[in-house]
Protein backbone atom coordinates (compact mmCIF):
# COMPACT_ATOMS: atom_id res chain seq x y z
CA MET A 1 22.01 120.97 87.78
CA THR A 2 24.39 118.19 86.67
CA THR A 3 25.75 115.96 89.38
CA PRO A 4 29.01 114.66 88.54
CA GLU A 5 30.04 111.54 87.36
CA PRO A 6 31.84 109.14 90.70
CA THR A 7 35.64 108.41 90.05
CA ALA A 8 37.56 106.29 91.74
CA THR A 9 41.16 105.09 91.40
CA LEU A 10 41.99 101.53 90.63
CA VAL A 11 43.74 99.55 93.46
CA ILE A 12 45.66 96.95 91.46
CA ASN A 13 46.88 93.85 93.85
CA VAL A 14 49.47 90.71 92.64
CA THR A 15 46.08 88.49 92.62
CA SER A 16 43.32 90.59 93.13
CA SER A 17 41.69 94.45 92.42
CA TYR A 18 39.46 96.84 93.77
CA CYS A 19 37.67 99.79 93.68
CA GLY A 20 38.99 102.21 95.87
CA ASN A 21 35.74 104.11 96.17
CA CYS A 22 33.56 101.31 97.12
CA ARG A 23 35.50 98.84 97.80
CA GLN A 24 34.45 96.16 95.92
CA PRO A 25 36.28 93.84 93.65
CA VAL A 26 37.07 94.68 89.94
CA MET A 27 37.64 91.40 87.66
CA PRO A 28 39.52 92.48 84.82
CA GLN A 29 38.51 91.56 81.26
CA ALA A 30 40.25 90.32 78.36
CA THR A 31 43.78 91.37 80.57
CA HIS A 32 41.83 94.31 80.90
CA HIS A 33 40.40 96.10 83.84
CA THR A 34 36.55 97.68 83.33
CA ASP A 35 37.01 101.14 82.89
CA VAL A 36 33.73 101.57 85.02
CA CYS A 37 33.59 99.39 88.61
CA GLY A 38 31.09 97.47 88.90
CA TRP A 39 29.37 98.04 84.92
CA THR A 40 26.75 99.70 86.19
CA PRO A 41 25.73 100.75 89.56
CA LYS A 42 23.27 97.88 91.18
CA PRO A 43 23.28 96.49 94.96
CA GLY A 44 26.88 94.07 95.16
CA GLY A 45 28.11 94.91 91.90
CA GLY A 46 30.20 98.29 92.44
CA CYS A 47 29.83 101.76 92.65
CA GLY A 48 29.87 102.69 88.95
CA ALA A 49 32.21 104.77 89.30
CA ARG A 50 35.01 105.82 86.26
CA PHE A 51 38.55 104.58 87.72
CA VAL A 52 40.69 107.90 86.97
CA ASP A 53 43.32 106.44 87.66
CA THR A 54 45.66 103.50 89.42
CA ASP A 55 47.29 103.05 92.81
CA THR A 56 48.32 99.60 94.94
CA ASP A 57 48.51 98.09 98.60
CA TYR A 58 51.69 95.84 97.70
CA VAL A 59 54.71 97.97 98.13
CA GLN A 60 56.55 95.50 95.48
CA ILE A 61 54.19 96.59 93.27
CA THR A 62 56.22 99.67 91.06
CA ASP A 63 54.20 102.69 88.78
CA ASP A 64 55.96 100.41 85.30
CA ASP A 65 53.45 97.13 86.79
CA LEU A 66 51.02 99.70 87.36
CA ARG A 67 51.47 101.19 83.75
CA ARG A 68 51.05 97.60 82.17
CA VAL A 69 47.81 96.53 83.63
CA ARG A 70 46.62 100.16 82.87
CA PRO A 71 48.59 102.25 80.67
CA ASP A 72 45.86 104.53 79.93
CA LEU A 73 45.74 105.75 83.09
CA PRO A 74 47.97 107.84 85.51
CA THR A 75 49.66 106.26 88.47
CA ARG A 76 48.67 107.72 92.26
CA ARG A 77 51.25 106.00 95.06
CA THR A 78 50.26 106.07 98.22
CA THR A 79 52.59 103.24 99.45
CA THR A 80 56.64 103.71 99.14
CA PRO A 81 57.71 101.52 96.52
CA ALA A 82 60.18 99.33 97.92
CA PRO A 83 63.69 99.46 97.17
CA ALA A 84 65.85 98.18 94.45
CA ALA A 85 67.31 95.05 94.57
CA GLY A 86 71.43 95.40 94.63
């Protein structure tokens, strides 16, 4: 029986990002976050999960902001967006 590939949410914030699975920091590579947490599973290097969606901890970050960073991944909003100014 094959073990399923681990997946995680890429949590994108204003000044930092992290893996929603292991909470290790995730750094962008050439203005685009990598697809796998820690590149390969290793101690202190991330869990190796493949990112399948994005989220944020900040209410000021919109779904459009998340899509600008990772247009290839759907957003999964667990915070309530800030109301529109006006």
